[in-house]
């Protein structure tokens, strides 16, 4: 069986323009959608890709977050983000494919050989 362990479909949204500390300025949904439409015209977005947020203040290191939950209200959409630690991509893929054999699925030994 041939495997490409570097193959990974992911959409990364980078956010650098954070509101000043102590304020609660939010990005309007329509502005967010407009930005995504512009990106999609130049580079089609994969609707099945993993969604990742990279967030950081200008001049600071970016931090990686996943969406833990989403709440849709009358006038807003609230994403609860959670920090993401390093992950084993082959193990993540095998978990997502539940039931399908993955090239790097855990073996019978204590060490999976995945990472």
N, C-alpha and C. Protein backbone atom coordinates (compact mmCIF):
# COMPACT_ATOMS: atom_id res chain seq x y z
N UNK A 1 0.85 -1.16 0.00
CA UNK A 1 0.00 0.00 0.00
C UNK A 1 0.91 1.24 0.00
N UNK A 2 0.60 2.20 -0.83
CA UNK A 2 1.37 3.44 -0.89
C UNK A 2 0.65 4.52 -0.08
N UNK A 3 1.44 5.31 0.62
CA UNK A 3 0.88 6.33 1.49
C UNK A 3 1.67 7.62 1.35
N UNK A 4 0.97 8.73 1.37
CA UNK A 4 1.62 10.03 1.37
C UNK A 4 1.34 10.68 2.71
N UNK A 5 2.22 10.49 3.70
CA UNK A 5 1.95 11.03 5.04
C UNK A 5 1.93 12.55 5.10
N UNK A 6 2.39 13.23 4.06
CA UNK A 6 2.38 14.69 4.06
C UNK A 6 1.11 15.27 3.47
N UNK A 7 0.22 14.44 2.98
CA UNK A 7 -1.02 14.92 2.39
C UNK A 7 -1.98 15.35 3.51
N UNK A 8 -2.49 16.58 3.41
CA UNK A 8 -3.32 17.13 4.47
C UNK A 8 -4.16 18.25 3.91
N UNK A 9 -5.46 18.17 4.01
CA UNK A 9 -6.35 19.23 3.52
C UNK A 9 -6.75 20.09 4.71
N UNK A 10 -6.35 21.34 4.66
CA UNK A 10 -6.61 22.24 5.77
C UNK A 10 -6.78 23.65 5.24
N UNK A 11 -7.76 24.36 5.77
CA UNK A 11 -7.93 25.77 5.47
C UNK A 11 -7.53 26.53 6.72
N UNK A 12 -6.55 27.43 6.56
CA UNK A 12 -6.04 28.19 7.70
C UNK A 12 -6.47 29.64 7.55
N UNK A 13 -7.19 30.13 8.53
CA UNK A 13 -7.60 31.53 8.56
C UNK A 13 -6.67 32.25 9.52
N UNK A 14 -5.92 33.21 9.01
CA UNK A 14 -4.99 33.96 9.85
C UNK A 14 -5.62 35.29 10.25
N UNK A 15 -5.60 35.55 11.55
CA UNK A 15 -6.19 36.77 12.09
C UNK A 15 -5.08 37.52 12.82
N UNK A 16 -4.78 38.73 12.34
CA UNK A 16 -3.74 39.53 12.99
C UNK A 16 -4.27 40.83 13.58
N UNK A 17 -5.34 41.33 13.05
CA UNK A 17 -5.86 42.62 13.50
C UNK A 17 -6.80 42.43 14.68
N UNK A 18 -6.23 42.21 15.84
CA UNK A 18 -7.04 42.00 17.03
C UNK A 18 -7.49 43.34 17.61
N UNK A 19 -8.65 43.33 18.24
CA UNK A 19 -9.15 44.54 18.90
C UNK A 19 -8.23 44.88 20.07
N UNK A 20 -8.08 46.16 20.38
CA UNK A 20 -7.26 46.55 21.54
C UNK A 20 -7.77 45.88 22.81
N UNK A 21 -6.86 45.60 23.73
CA UNK A 21 -7.23 44.97 25.00
C UNK A 21 -8.31 45.76 25.70
N UNK A 22 -9.28 45.06 26.24
CA UNK A 22 -10.36 45.71 26.98
C UNK A 22 -11.54 46.14 26.13
N UNK A 23 -11.45 45.98 24.80
CA UNK A 23 -12.58 46.33 23.93
C UNK A 23 -13.19 45.04 23.38
N UNK A 24 -14.39 45.17 22.86
CA UNK A 24 -15.09 44.01 22.30
C UNK A 24 -15.53 44.31 20.88
N UNK A 25 -14.58 44.60 20.01
CA UNK A 25 -14.90 44.84 18.61
C UNK A 25 -14.90 43.49 17.89
N UNK A 26 -15.95 43.23 17.14
CA UNK A 26 -16.08 41.96 16.45
C UNK A 26 -16.16 42.20 14.95
N UNK A 27 -15.75 41.21 14.19
CA UNK A 27 -15.82 41.26 12.74
C UNK A 27 -17.26 40.96 12.31
N UNK A 28 -17.82 41.85 11.51
CA UNK A 28 -19.19 41.65 11.03
C UNK A 28 -19.25 40.42 10.13
N UNK A 29 -20.31 39.66 10.24
CA UNK A 29 -20.46 38.44 9.45
C UNK A 29 -20.36 38.74 7.95
N UNK A 30 -21.00 39.81 7.50
CA UNK A 30 -20.96 40.12 6.07
C UNK A 30 -19.55 40.46 5.61
N UNK A 31 -18.78 41.12 6.44
CA UNK A 31 -17.39 41.42 6.07
C UNK A 31 -16.59 40.13 5.98
N UNK A 32 -16.80 39.23 6.93
CA UNK A 32 -16.12 37.93 6.92
C UNK A 32 -16.48 37.15 5.66
N UNK A 33 -17.75 37.13 5.33
CA UNK A 33 -18.20 36.42 4.11
C UNK A 33 -17.60 37.05 2.86
N UNK A 34 -17.50 38.37 2.84
CA UNK A 34 -16.91 39.07 1.70
C UNK A 34 -15.44 38.68 1.53
N UNK A 35 -14.72 38.62 2.63
CA UNK A 35 -13.32 38.22 2.58
C UNK A 35 -13.20 36.79 2.04
N UNK A 36 -14.03 35.89 2.55
CA UNK A 36 -13.99 34.49 2.07
C UNK A 36 -14.33 34.38 0.59
N UNK A 37 -15.29 35.17 0.11
CA UNK A 37 -15.63 35.16 -1.32
C UNK A 37 -14.44 35.61 -2.16
N UNK A 38 -13.75 36.65 -1.72
CA UNK A 38 -12.58 37.13 -2.46
C UNK A 38 -11.49 36.07 -2.51
N UNK A 39 -11.25 35.43 -1.39
CA UNK A 39 -10.24 34.36 -1.35
C UNK A 39 -10.65 33.22 -2.27
N UNK A 40 -11.92 32.82 -2.19
CA UNK A 40 -12.40 31.69 -2.98
C UNK A 40 -12.31 31.95 -4.48
N UNK A 41 -12.43 33.21 -4.90
CA UNK A 41 -12.27 33.53 -6.32
C UNK A 41 -10.85 33.27 -6.80
N UNK A 42 -9.88 33.51 -5.94
CA UNK A 42 -8.47 33.34 -6.33
C UNK A 42 -7.95 31.94 -6.03
N UNK A 43 -8.45 31.34 -4.98
CA UNK A 43 -8.02 30.01 -4.57
C UNK A 43 -9.23 29.28 -4.01
N UNK A 44 -9.87 28.42 -4.82
CA UNK A 44 -11.09 27.76 -4.37
C UNK A 44 -10.90 27.06 -3.01
N UNK A 45 -11.82 27.33 -2.10
CA UNK A 45 -11.78 26.73 -0.77
C UNK A 45 -12.36 25.32 -0.81
N UNK A 46 -11.77 24.43 -0.05
CA UNK A 46 -12.22 23.04 0.04
C UNK A 46 -13.19 22.93 1.21
N UNK A 47 -14.48 22.70 0.95
CA UNK A 47 -15.45 22.66 2.05
C UNK A 47 -15.24 21.48 3.00
N UNK A 48 -14.47 20.47 2.59
CA UNK A 48 -14.22 19.32 3.44
C UNK A 48 -12.90 19.41 4.21
N UNK A 49 -12.16 20.48 4.02
CA UNK A 49 -10.87 20.63 4.68
C UNK A 49 -11.05 20.96 6.16
N UNK A 50 -10.06 20.58 6.94
CA UNK A 50 -10.04 20.93 8.36
C UNK A 50 -9.89 22.45 8.46
N UNK A 51 -10.64 23.09 9.36
CA UNK A 51 -10.60 24.53 9.52
C UNK A 51 -9.74 24.87 10.74
N UNK A 52 -8.73 25.69 10.52
CA UNK A 52 -7.81 26.09 11.57
C UNK A 52 -7.71 27.62 11.60
N UNK A 53 -7.63 28.17 12.79
CA UNK A 53 -7.41 29.60 12.95
C UNK A 53 -6.02 29.82 13.51
N UNK A 54 -5.28 30.75 12.91
CA UNK A 54 -4.00 31.20 13.46
C UNK A 54 -4.21 32.64 13.89
N UNK A 55 -3.99 32.91 15.16
CA UNK A 55 -4.30 34.22 15.70
C UNK A 55 -3.08 34.77 16.44
N UNK A 56 -2.82 36.04 16.22
CA UNK A 56 -1.73 36.69 16.93
C UNK A 56 -1.75 38.18 16.69
N UNK A 57 -1.20 38.90 17.62
CA UNK A 57 -1.06 40.34 17.47
C UNK A 57 0.07 40.61 16.49
N UNK A 58 0.01 41.71 15.76
CA UNK A 58 1.11 42.04 14.85
C UNK A 58 2.44 42.06 15.61
N UNK A 59 3.44 41.38 15.05
CA UNK A 59 4.75 41.31 15.68
C UNK A 59 4.90 40.19 16.69
N UNK A 60 3.84 39.48 17.00
CA UNK A 60 3.90 38.37 17.96
C UNK A 60 3.72 37.05 17.22
N UNK A 61 4.16 35.99 17.85
CA UNK A 61 4.01 34.65 17.26
C UNK A 61 2.53 34.28 17.16
N UNK A 62 2.19 33.60 16.05
CA UNK A 62 0.81 33.14 15.86
C UNK A 62 0.57 31.93 16.76
N UNK A 63 -0.68 31.77 17.21
CA UNK A 63 -1.10 30.60 17.95
C UNK A 63 -2.16 29.89 17.13
N UNK A 64 -2.21 28.57 17.23
CA UNK A 64 -3.12 27.76 16.42
C UNK A 64 -4.32 27.35 17.27
N UNK A 65 -5.52 27.52 16.67
CA UNK A 65 -6.76 27.19 17.36
C UNK A 65 -7.68 26.38 16.46
N UNK A 66 -8.47 25.51 17.09
CA UNK A 66 -9.56 24.79 16.42
C UNK A 66 -10.87 25.37 16.91
N UNK A 67 -11.93 25.12 16.17
CA UNK A 67 -13.27 25.53 16.60
C UNK A 67 -13.79 24.46 17.55
N UNK A 68 -14.00 24.83 18.81
CA UNK A 68 -14.56 23.89 19.79
C UNK A 68 -16.08 23.81 19.68
N UNK A 69 -16.70 24.95 19.41
CA UNK A 69 -18.16 24.97 19.26
C UNK A 69 -18.56 26.21 18.49
N UNK A 70 -19.80 26.18 18.00
CA UNK A 70 -20.34 27.31 17.26
C UNK A 70 -21.77 27.55 17.73
N UNK A 71 -22.10 28.80 17.97
CA UNK A 71 -23.45 29.17 18.38
C UNK A 71 -23.97 30.21 17.40
N UNK A 72 -25.15 29.96 16.85
CA UNK A 72 -25.78 30.89 15.92
C UNK A 72 -26.92 31.58 16.64
N UNK A 73 -26.78 32.89 16.80
CA UNK A 73 -27.81 33.71 17.44
C UNK A 73 -28.54 34.50 16.36
N UNK A 74 -29.50 35.29 16.76
CA UNK A 74 -30.28 36.09 15.81
C UNK A 74 -29.37 37.02 15.00
N UNK A 75 -28.45 37.72 15.68
CA UNK A 75 -27.62 38.71 15.02
C UNK A 75 -26.14 38.38 14.97
N UNK A 76 -25.77 37.17 15.37
CA UNK A 76 -24.34 36.86 15.41
C UNK A 76 -24.08 35.37 15.33
N UNK A 77 -22.85 35.07 15.02
CA UNK A 77 -22.35 33.70 15.07
C UNK A 77 -21.14 33.75 15.98
N UNK A 78 -21.12 32.91 17.00
CA UNK A 78 -20.04 32.93 17.97
C UNK A 78 -19.27 31.62 17.86
N UNK A 79 -17.99 31.74 17.57
CA UNK A 79 -17.11 30.58 17.52
C UNK A 79 -16.31 30.53 18.81
N UNK A 80 -16.36 29.41 19.50
CA UNK A 80 -15.52 29.21 20.68
C UNK A 80 -14.28 28.47 20.19
N UNK A 81 -13.13 29.12 20.30
CA UNK A 81 -11.89 28.52 19.83
C UNK A 81 -11.14 27.91 20.99
N UNK A 82 -10.43 26.83 20.70
CA UNK A 82 -9.59 26.19 21.70
C UNK A 82 -8.20 26.01 21.14
N UNK A 83 -7.19 26.26 21.96
CA UNK A 83 -5.81 26.10 21.52
C UNK A 83 -5.57 24.66 21.09
N UNK A 84 -4.82 24.51 20.02
CA UNK A 84 -4.52 23.17 19.51
C UNK A 84 -3.06 22.86 19.73
N UNK A 85 -2.82 21.74 20.33
CA UNK A 85 -1.44 21.27 20.48
C UNK A 85 -1.05 20.52 19.21
N UNK A 86 0.18 20.13 19.13
CA UNK A 86 0.64 19.38 17.96
C UNK A 86 -0.19 18.10 17.83
N UNK A 87 -0.48 17.72 16.59
CA UNK A 87 -1.27 16.52 16.35
C UNK A 87 -0.54 15.60 15.38
N UNK A 88 -0.83 14.34 15.47
CA UNK A 88 -0.33 13.35 14.53
C UNK A 88 -1.33 13.30 13.37
N UNK A 89 -0.93 13.83 12.24
CA UNK A 89 -1.86 13.92 11.12
C UNK A 89 -2.38 12.57 10.65
N UNK A 90 -1.52 11.54 10.50
CA UNK A 90 -2.06 10.24 10.09
C UNK A 90 -3.07 9.68 11.09
N UNK A 91 -2.81 9.85 12.39
CA UNK A 91 -3.76 9.35 13.40
C UNK A 91 -5.07 10.14 13.29
N UNK A 92 -4.99 11.45 13.11
CA UNK A 92 -6.19 12.27 12.97
C UNK A 92 -7.01 11.82 11.77
N UNK A 93 -6.33 11.59 10.63
CA UNK A 93 -7.04 11.12 9.43
C UNK A 93 -7.72 9.79 9.69
N UNK A 94 -7.02 8.87 10.35
CA UNK A 94 -7.61 7.55 10.58
C UNK A 94 -8.82 7.65 11.49
N UNK A 95 -8.78 8.57 12.46
CA UNK A 95 -9.94 8.76 13.33
C UNK A 95 -11.11 9.33 12.55
N UNK A 96 -10.82 10.24 11.59
CA UNK A 96 -11.88 10.85 10.79
C UNK A 96 -12.49 9.85 9.81
N UNK A 97 -11.71 8.87 9.41
CA UNK A 97 -12.19 7.90 8.43
C UNK A 97 -12.85 6.70 9.10
N UNK A 98 -13.02 6.74 10.39
CA UNK A 98 -13.64 5.70 11.21
C UNK A 98 -14.11 4.47 10.44
N UNK A 99 -13.40 3.41 10.66
CA UNK A 99 -13.78 2.17 10.01
C UNK A 99 -13.01 1.87 8.74
N UNK A 100 -12.48 2.90 8.09
CA UNK A 100 -11.69 2.67 6.89
C UNK A 100 -10.25 2.43 7.31
N UNK A 101 -9.53 1.57 6.59
CA UNK A 101 -8.13 1.35 6.94
C UNK A 101 -7.31 2.56 6.54
N UNK A 102 -6.42 2.96 7.41
CA UNK A 102 -5.52 4.09 7.16
C UNK A 102 -4.10 3.57 7.05
N UNK A 103 -3.30 4.24 6.27
CA UNK A 103 -1.95 3.76 6.04
C UNK A 103 -1.11 3.75 7.30
N UNK A 104 -1.43 4.57 8.24
CA UNK A 104 -0.62 4.66 9.45
C UNK A 104 -1.45 4.34 10.69
N UNK A 105 -2.38 3.43 10.58
CA UNK A 105 -3.22 3.06 11.71
C UNK A 105 -2.36 2.42 12.79
N UNK A 106 -2.74 2.57 14.04
CA UNK A 106 -1.97 1.98 15.12
C UNK A 106 -1.79 0.48 14.93
N UNK A 107 -0.60 0.00 15.26
CA UNK A 107 -0.32 -1.43 15.15
C UNK A 107 -0.69 -2.11 16.44
N UNK A 108 -0.42 -3.39 16.52
CA UNK A 108 -0.71 -4.16 17.73
C UNK A 108 0.31 -3.89 18.83
N UNK A 109 1.41 -3.23 18.49
CA UNK A 109 2.44 -2.95 19.49
C UNK A 109 2.05 -1.72 20.28
N UNK A 110 2.78 -1.49 21.37
CA UNK A 110 2.49 -0.34 22.23
C UNK A 110 2.70 0.98 21.49
N UNK A 111 3.69 1.02 20.62
CA UNK A 111 3.95 2.25 19.85
C UNK A 111 3.27 2.12 18.50
N UNK A 112 2.52 3.12 18.11
CA UNK A 112 1.74 3.02 16.88
C UNK A 112 2.58 3.17 15.62
N UNK A 113 3.75 3.79 15.70
CA UNK A 113 4.54 4.04 14.51
C UNK A 113 3.98 5.19 13.70
N UNK A 114 2.96 5.85 14.24
CA UNK A 114 2.29 6.93 13.52
C UNK A 114 3.08 8.22 13.59
N UNK A 115 3.59 8.53 14.74
CA UNK A 115 4.30 9.82 14.91
C UNK A 115 5.71 9.56 15.40
